[in-house]
Amino acid sequence: MRRELLQVPGKIAQLCRDHRCDLVLLSGDLFDGAYSADSLQAVYAALQEMSVPVFITPGNHDFTGTDSPWLTEHWPENVHIFTKPLMESVELRELGCRIYGAGFTAMDCDALLEGFCAAEDMTAIGILHGDPTQANSPYCPISKSQVADSGFAYLALGHIHKGDQFRAGNTLCAWPGCPMGRGYDEQGEKGVLIVTVEDTAEAKFYPLDTPRFYDWEAPVSICAESTLESLLPPVGNDHFYRITFTGECETPDLEALSGQYIRFPNLLLRDKTLPPLDIWRSVGEDSFEGTYFGMLQQALEAEDEAGQEKILLAARICRQILDGREVVLP
């Protein structure tokens, strides 16, 4: 995972070159607290390779404290870092735009966009590390009304690990999520946004070629092996799959199943199945339970198909309750 993470900056730089991007916006948390020499070198090399203006807004994990790499390290000449907790701008006259941004100086940050409106002399683009999902967030909360009043054609956000976007007024506000998942709480495709700003801003998601995390519940209908075969792709890969078998079936042999799928080295199987439910096992017993299930079984013969379904459902629910199993109503 660490080796893969170190390749992410270079992959973003390559995408920037392939698509001939005019500038790059990196909206914080490039470093997650303490950083190593190899991670610093990977980021530095990628920024230098981009060969276009790069704008960075430090976030809550890489805020500009006394030992921040944004303050203590040397960065390529094409990189501008917004180090203050107030909106500042850089003019890119050759592109006809002005880039606005601000940065975290501590783990938390006030609403940096509150009361802000960009100048109207050229296209305004904003970049912030902020939270558009919670009004009371300690991480620079951003509201739709603030976005609408900002005067930006495009506002690039960081902080939320799952990508999304919205429009407010004439502004597109978008965030790609993290560029690579690091656990089962960051599932699926991860990548970056390439944004075109003309009359309006349009964002397109580009996944990066990195390992992905998938966490699936798999109800077993026939057998665990066939269920697994239907879920996994035909060709092996290095993605991370955590598959939990559920339902009623014979206990699956997880070790044997894993051995059949060595082409998926990061496959984790878990068993939460239950033995098949024997609804009628107490019929014939001299007990209230035996009498009750006996009556239900006899009633089946006198009912039509719809009535039989109701009786079977009643019998199944009662058996699940008596066996201490969870009851899920249809």
Protein backbone atom coordinates (compact mmCIF):
# COMPACT_ATOMS: atom_id res chain seq x y z
CA MET A 1 0.00 0.00 0.00
CA ARG A 2 2.81 2.40 0.84
CA ARG A 3 4.54 1.70 -2.48
CA GLU A 4 1.28 2.34 -4.32
CA LEU A 5 0.65 5.60 -2.45
CA LEU A 6 4.12 6.86 -3.37
CA GLN A 7 3.25 6.40 -7.05
CA VAL A 8 0.06 8.50 -6.86
CA PRO A 9 1.72 11.94 -7.29
CA GLY A 10 3.55 10.72 -10.40
CA LYS A 11 0.34 9.31 -11.87
CA ILE A 12 -1.39 12.66 -11.38
CA ALA A 13 1.54 14.45 -13.03
CA GLN A 14 1.34 12.07 -16.00
CA LEU A 15 -2.41 12.68 -16.35
CA CYS A 16 -1.74 16.42 -16.26
CA ARG A 17 0.73 16.10 -19.13
CA ASP A 18 -1.45 13.70 -21.14
CA HIS A 19 -4.41 16.11 -21.01
CA ARG A 20 -2.30 19.25 -21.40
CA CYS A 21 -3.77 20.83 -18.31
CA ASP A 22 -3.20 24.58 -17.90
CA LEU A 23 -2.93 24.47 -14.12
CA VAL A 24 -3.30 22.10 -11.17
CA LEU A 25 -5.30 22.63 -7.97
CA LEU A 26 -4.39 20.49 -4.93
CA SER A 27 -6.82 21.17 -2.11
CA GLY A 28 -4.99 19.94 0.97
CA ASP A 29 -4.00 16.86 2.96
CA LEU A 30 -1.24 15.82 0.57
CA PHE A 31 0.56 14.74 3.75
CA ASP A 32 -1.20 12.95 6.58
CA GLY A 33 0.62 14.35 9.59
CA ALA A 34 4.26 13.22 9.80
CA TYR A 35 5.95 12.77 6.43
CA SER A 36 8.98 10.79 5.27
CA ALA A 37 11.81 11.69 2.92
CA ASP A 38 10.48 9.39 0.19
CA SER A 39 6.95 10.84 0.34
CA LEU A 40 8.38 14.36 0.23
CA GLN A 41 10.49 13.44 -2.79
CA ALA A 42 7.53 11.83 -4.58
CA VAL A 43 5.41 14.97 -4.16
CA TYR A 44 8.25 17.32 -5.09
CA ALA A 45 9.16 15.39 -8.24
CA ALA A 46 5.52 15.26 -9.38
CA LEU A 47 4.98 18.99 -8.83
CA GLN A 48 8.11 19.77 -10.82
CA GLU A 49 7.11 17.42 -13.65
CA MET A 50 3.75 19.15 -14.08
CA SER A 51 5.48 22.23 -15.54
CA VAL A 52 2.32 24.34 -15.11
CA PRO A 53 1.16 26.58 -12.26
CA VAL A 54 0.23 24.49 -9.22
CA PHE A 55 -1.84 25.89 -6.34
CA ILE A 56 -2.02 24.19 -2.94
CA THR A 57 -4.26 24.89 0.05
CA PRO A 58 -3.04 23.15 3.24
CA GLY A 59 -5.76 21.21 5.06
CA ASN A 60 -6.41 19.90 8.55
CA HIS A 61 -3.81 17.11 8.24
CA ASP A 62 -1.04 19.17 6.61
CA PHE A 63 -1.81 22.61 8.05
CA THR A 64 0.92 25.24 8.14
CA GLY A 65 2.20 24.71 11.68
CA THR A 66 5.79 25.43 12.69
CA ASP A 67 7.06 22.12 11.28
CA SER A 68 4.85 22.11 8.17
CA PRO A 69 6.58 20.93 4.99
CA TRP A 70 4.82 23.80 3.19
CA LEU A 71 6.88 26.21 5.28
CA THR A 72 10.10 24.32 6.01
CA GLU A 73 10.79 22.65 2.65
CA HIS A 74 11.80 24.12 -0.69
CA TRP A 75 9.26 23.72 -3.51
CA PRO A 76 9.50 24.13 -7.31
CA GLU A 77 9.04 27.61 -8.75
CA ASN A 78 5.74 26.67 -10.44
CA VAL A 79 4.11 25.98 -7.03
CA HIS A 80 2.13 28.54 -5.05
CA ILE A 81 0.98 27.64 -1.52
CA PHE A 82 -1.81 29.57 0.21
CA THR A 83 -0.46 29.61 3.77
CA LYS A 84 -2.80 32.13 5.44
CA PRO A 85 -6.36 31.61 6.78
CA LEU A 86 -7.78 34.38 4.60
CA MET A 87 -8.64 34.55 0.92
CA GLU A 88 -5.77 35.68 -1.30
CA SER A 89 -5.38 35.63 -5.06
CA VAL A 90 -2.81 35.07 -7.80
CA GLU A 91 -3.37 36.50 -11.28
CA LEU A 92 -2.69 34.28 -14.31
CA ARG A 93 -3.00 36.90 -17.05
CA GLU A 94 -2.02 34.47 -19.82
CA LEU A 95 -5.04 32.31 -18.89
CA GLY A 96 -7.35 35.24 -18.19
CA CYS A 97 -8.11 34.05 -14.68
CA ARG A 98 -7.39 34.71 -11.04
CA ILE A 99 -6.88 31.88 -8.52
CA TYR A 100 -8.19 32.46 -4.99
CA GLY A 101 -7.32 30.35 -1.96
CA ALA A 102 -6.56 30.15 1.75
CA GLY A 103 -5.01 27.52 4.01
CA PHE A 104 -5.41 25.92 7.41
CA THR A 105 -2.96 27.02 10.12
CA ALA A 106 -4.34 24.54 12.67
CA MET A 107 -6.37 21.32 12.75
CA ASP A 108 -9.63 23.30 12.64
CA CYS A 109 -10.56 26.35 10.61
CA ASP A 110 -13.38 28.92 10.45
CA ALA A 111 -15.58 29.45 7.40
CA LEU A 112 -13.04 31.03 5.05
CA LEU A 113 -15.63 31.71 2.32
CA GLU A 114 -18.05 33.58 4.60
CA GLY A 115 -18.74 37.06 3.19
CA PHE A 116 -16.28 36.63 0.32
CA CYS A 117 -16.86 37.73 -3.29
CA ALA A 118 -14.23 37.61 -6.02
CA ALA A 119 -13.34 40.55 -8.23
CA GLU A 120 -15.12 40.65 -11.60
CA ASP A 121 -12.16 41.73 -13.75
CA MET A 122 -11.37 38.18 -14.94
CA THR A 123 -12.53 34.58 -14.50
CA ALA A 124 -12.31 33.65 -10.81
CA ILE A 125 -11.40 30.15 -9.66
CA GLY A 126 -11.29 29.14 -6.01
CA ILE A 127 -9.50 26.39 -4.13
CA LEU A 128 -10.14 25.51 -0.49
CA HIS A 129 -9.91 22.64 1.95
CA GLY A 130 -13.41 22.67 3.39
CA ASP A 131 -16.52 20.77 4.38
CA PRO A 132 -19.70 21.35 2.31
CA THR A 133 -21.62 18.59 4.11
CA GLN A 134 -21.96 19.95 7.68
CA ALA A 135 -22.96 23.49 8.61
CA ASN A 136 -21.24 23.23 12.01
CA SER A 137 -18.10 21.47 10.78
CA PRO A 138 -14.83 22.54 12.48
CA TYR A 139 -13.09 22.13 9.12
CA CYS A 140 -13.98 25.30 7.20
CA PRO A 141 -17.73 24.75 6.68
CA ILE A 142 -18.93 25.82 3.24
CA SER A 143 -22.58 26.51 2.41
CA LYS A 144 -24.34 26.66 -0.94
CA SER A 145 -25.18 30.31 -0.37
CA GLN A 146 -21.49 31.10 0.18
CA VAL A 147 -20.63 29.28 -3.03
CA ALA A 148 -23.36 31.11 -4.96
CA ASP A 149 -22.15 34.49 -3.69
CA SER A 150 -18.44 33.75 -4.24
CA GLY A 151 -18.25 34.90 -7.85
CA PHE A 152 -16.22 31.81 -8.76
CA ALA A 153 -16.73 29.97 -12.01
CA TYR A 154 -15.30 26.90 -10.25
CA LEU A 155 -14.51 26.09 -6.63
CA ALA A 156 -12.17 23.13 -6.06
CA LEU A 157 -12.59 21.52 -2.66
CA GLY A 158 -10.70 18.96 -0.61
CA HIS A 159 -11.37 17.19 2.72
CA ILE A 160 -14.30 14.85 1.89
CA HIS A 161 -12.92 11.46 0.82
CA LYS A 162 -15.91 10.55 -1.36
CA GLY A 163 -16.24 12.63 -4.52
CA ASP A 164 -19.27 14.75 -5.36
CA GLN A 165 -20.26 18.12 -6.85
CA PHE A 166 -23.05 20.67 -6.94
CA ARG A 167 -23.91 23.97 -8.59
CA ALA A 168 -24.87 27.07 -6.65
CA GLY A 169 -25.60 30.22 -8.63
CA ASN A 170 -23.09 30.33 -11.47
CA THR A 171 -20.48 28.31 -9.57
CA LEU A 172 -19.56 24.64 -9.92
CA CYS A 173 -18.29 23.31 -6.59
CA ALA A 174 -16.63 19.90 -6.91
CA TRP A 175 -14.29 17.57 -5.06
CA PRO A 176 -12.84 14.27 -6.35
CA GLY A 177 -12.44 12.50 -3.02
CA CYS A 178 -9.15 10.88 -2.13
CA PRO A 179 -6.99 9.77 -5.11
CA MET A 180 -6.50 6.29 -3.63
CA GLY A 181 -8.44 4.29 -1.07
CA ARG A 182 -6.56 3.17 2.03
CA GLY A 183 -9.16 0.96 3.68
CA TYR A 184 -12.65 -0.50 3.41
CA ASP A 185 -14.15 2.86 4.40
CA GLU A 186 -12.83 4.29 1.09
CA GLN A 187 -14.30 1.93 -1.47
CA GLY A 188 -14.43 1.77 -5.25
CA GLU A 189 -12.78 3.86 -7.94
CA LYS A 190 -10.64 6.75 -6.73
CA GLY A 191 -9.07 9.45 -8.82
CA VAL A 192 -9.05 13.13 -9.77
CA LEU A 193 -11.15 15.69 -11.62
CA ILE A 194 -10.24 17.39 -14.86
CA VAL A 195 -12.23 20.60 -15.12
CA THR A 196 -12.92 22.72 -18.19
CA VAL A 197 -13.81 26.34 -17.49
CA GLU A 198 -15.41 28.16 -20.43
CA ASP A 199 -18.89 29.72 -20.31
CA THR A 200 -19.57 27.33 -17.45
CA ALA A 201 -17.36 24.87 -15.59
CA GLU A 202 -17.63 21.14 -16.27
CA ALA A 203 -15.85 18.46 -14.23
CA LYS A 204 -15.02 14.95 -15.42
CA PHE A 205 -13.80 12.21 -13.09
CA TYR A 206 -10.67 10.26 -14.07
CA PRO A 207 -9.87 7.15 -12.04
CA LEU A 208 -6.23 6.45 -11.25
CA ASP A 209 -4.72 3.02 -11.72
CA THR A 210 -4.44 2.17 -8.02
CA PRO A 211 -5.67 -0.70 -5.81
CA ARG A 212 -9.32 -0.40 -4.82
CA PHE A 213 -11.27 -1.60 -1.81
CA TYR A 214 -14.57 -3.48 -2.00
CA ASP A 215 -16.62 -4.62 0.99
CA TRP A 216 -19.54 -6.83 0.01
CA GLU A 217 -22.15 -8.94 1.77
CA ALA A 218 -22.87 -12.06 -0.24
CA PRO A 219 -26.12 -13.95 0.49
CA VAL A 220 -25.48 -17.60 -0.35
CA SER A 221 -28.29 -19.07 -2.45
CA ILE A 222 -26.81 -22.41 -3.57
CA CYS A 223 -23.26 -22.65 -2.30
CA ALA A 224 -20.52 -20.25 -1.26
CA GLU A 225 -18.28 -21.17 -4.19
CA SER A 226 -20.86 -20.28 -6.85
CA THR A 227 -21.71 -17.08 -4.99
CA LEU A 228 -18.05 -16.07 -4.93
CA GLU A 229 -17.62 -16.93 -8.60
CA SER A 230 -20.49 -14.61 -9.52
CA LEU A 231 -19.00 -11.69 -7.56
CA LEU A 232 -15.33 -11.71 -8.53
CA PRO A 233 -14.12 -10.64 -11.99
CA PRO A 234 -12.80 -13.38 -14.30
CA VAL A 235 -9.26 -11.94 -14.28
CA GLY A 236 -7.25 -11.65 -11.07
CA ASN A 237 -6.04 -8.32 -9.72
CA ASP A 238 -4.51 -6.66 -6.65
CA HIS A 239 -7.70 -4.95 -5.47
CA PHE A 240 -8.83 -5.57 -1.89
CA TYR A 241 -12.01 -7.62 -1.54
CA ARG A 242 -13.67 -8.29 1.81
CA ILE A 243 -16.60 -10.61 1.19
CA THR A 244 -18.91 -11.69 4.00
CA PHE A 245 -21.10 -14.73 3.34
CA THR A 246 -24.60 -14.50 4.79
CA GLY A 247 -27.80 -16.52 4.55
CA GLU A 248 -28.57 -20.14 5.41
CA CYS A 249 -26.29 -22.83 4.04
CA GLU A 250 -23.73 -25.42 4.99
CA THR A 251 -20.74 -23.78 6.66
CA PRO A 252 -18.34 -22.71 3.89
CA ASP A 253 -14.69 -23.79 4.02
CA LEU A 254 -13.05 -20.36 3.81
CA GLU A 255 -9.50 -21.68 3.65
CA ALA A 256 -10.29 -23.98 0.74
CA LEU A 257 -12.17 -21.22 -1.09
CA SER A 258 -9.28 -18.79 -0.69
CA GLY A 259 -6.94 -21.42 -2.11
CA GLN A 260 -9.04 -21.58 -5.27
CA TYR A 261 -8.70 -17.82 -5.82
CA ILE A 262 -4.99 -17.18 -5.43
CA ARG A 263 -5.24 -14.82 -8.43
CA PHE A 264 -6.78 -12.40 -5.91
CA PRO A 265 -3.99 -12.03 -3.31
CA ASN A 266 -5.94 -9.44 -1.29
CA LEU A 267 -9.12 -11.49 -0.91
CA LEU A 268 -10.55 -11.70 2.62
CA LEU A 269 -13.47 -14.06 3.24
CA ARG A 270 -15.70 -13.98 6.31
CA ASP A 271 -18.50 -16.31 7.34
CA LYS A 272 -21.73 -15.08 8.90
CA THR A 273 -23.95 -17.83 7.53
CA LEU A 274 -26.34 -19.89 9.62
CA PRO A 275 -27.19 -23.58 9.30
CA PRO A 276 -30.28 -24.28 7.16
CA LEU A 277 -33.44 -23.65 9.16
CA ASP A 278 -35.37 -26.83 10.05
CA ILE A 279 -38.82 -25.33 10.48
CA TRP A 280 -40.75 -28.52 11.25
CA ARG A 281 -38.26 -30.35 13.46
CA SER A 282 -40.48 -30.20 16.59
CA VAL A 283 -43.60 -31.61 14.87
CA GLY A 284 -44.75 -34.68 16.82
CA GLU A 285 -43.20 -33.59 20.11
CA ASP A 286 -45.46 -33.58 23.18
CA SER A 287 -45.03 -29.85 23.81
CA PHE A 288 -46.67 -26.52 23.05
CA GLU A 289 -44.05 -25.97 20.36
CA GLY A 290 -44.69 -29.36 18.78
CA THR A 291 -48.44 -28.83 18.87
CA TYR A 292 -48.19 -25.33 17.35
CA PHE A 293 -45.98 -26.36 14.42
CA GLY A 294 -48.09 -29.48 13.91
CA MET A 295 -51.21 -27.33 13.54
CA LEU A 296 -49.44 -25.05 11.03
CA GLN A 297 -48.27 -28.02 9.01
CA GLN A 298 -51.78 -29.52 8.88
CA ALA A 299 -53.25 -26.16 7.87
CA LEU A 300 -51.00 -26.06 4.82
CA GLU A 301 -52.96 -28.85 3.15
CA ALA A 302 -56.26 -26.92 3.28
CA GLU A 303 -54.95 -23.63 1.92
CA ASP A 304 -54.46 -22.27 -1.58
CA GLU A 305 -51.05 -21.03 -2.72
CA ALA A 306 -51.45 -17.55 -1.17
CA GLY A 307 -52.58 -19.05 2.14
CA GLN A 308 -49.67 -21.51 2.15
CA GLU A 309 -47.21 -18.66 1.70
CA LYS A 310 -48.62 -16.91 4.77
CA ILE A 311 -48.49 -20.06 6.89
CA LEU A 312 -44.94 -20.84 5.81
CA LEU A 313 -43.90 -17.26 6.62
CA ALA A 314 -45.51 -17.50 10.07
CA ALA A 315 -43.81 -20.83 10.73
CA ARG A 316 -40.44 -19.51 9.55
CA ILE A 317 -40.63 -16.37 11.71
CA CYS A 318 -41.61 -18.39 14.78
CA ARG A 319 -38.75 -20.83 14.21
CA GLN A 320 -36.25 -17.99 13.78
CA ILE A 321 -37.44 -16.39 17.03
CA LEU A 322 -37.26 -19.67 18.94
CA ASP A 323 -33.75 -20.31 17.59
CA GLY A 324 -32.61 -16.79 18.55
CA ARG A 325 -32.06 -15.70 14.97
CA GLU A 326 -32.62 -12.27 13.51
CA VAL A 327 -35.98 -11.84 11.83
CA VAL A 328 -36.07 -9.81 8.63
CA LEU A 329 -39.61 -9.23 7.41
CA PRO A 330 -40.22 -9.36 3.64
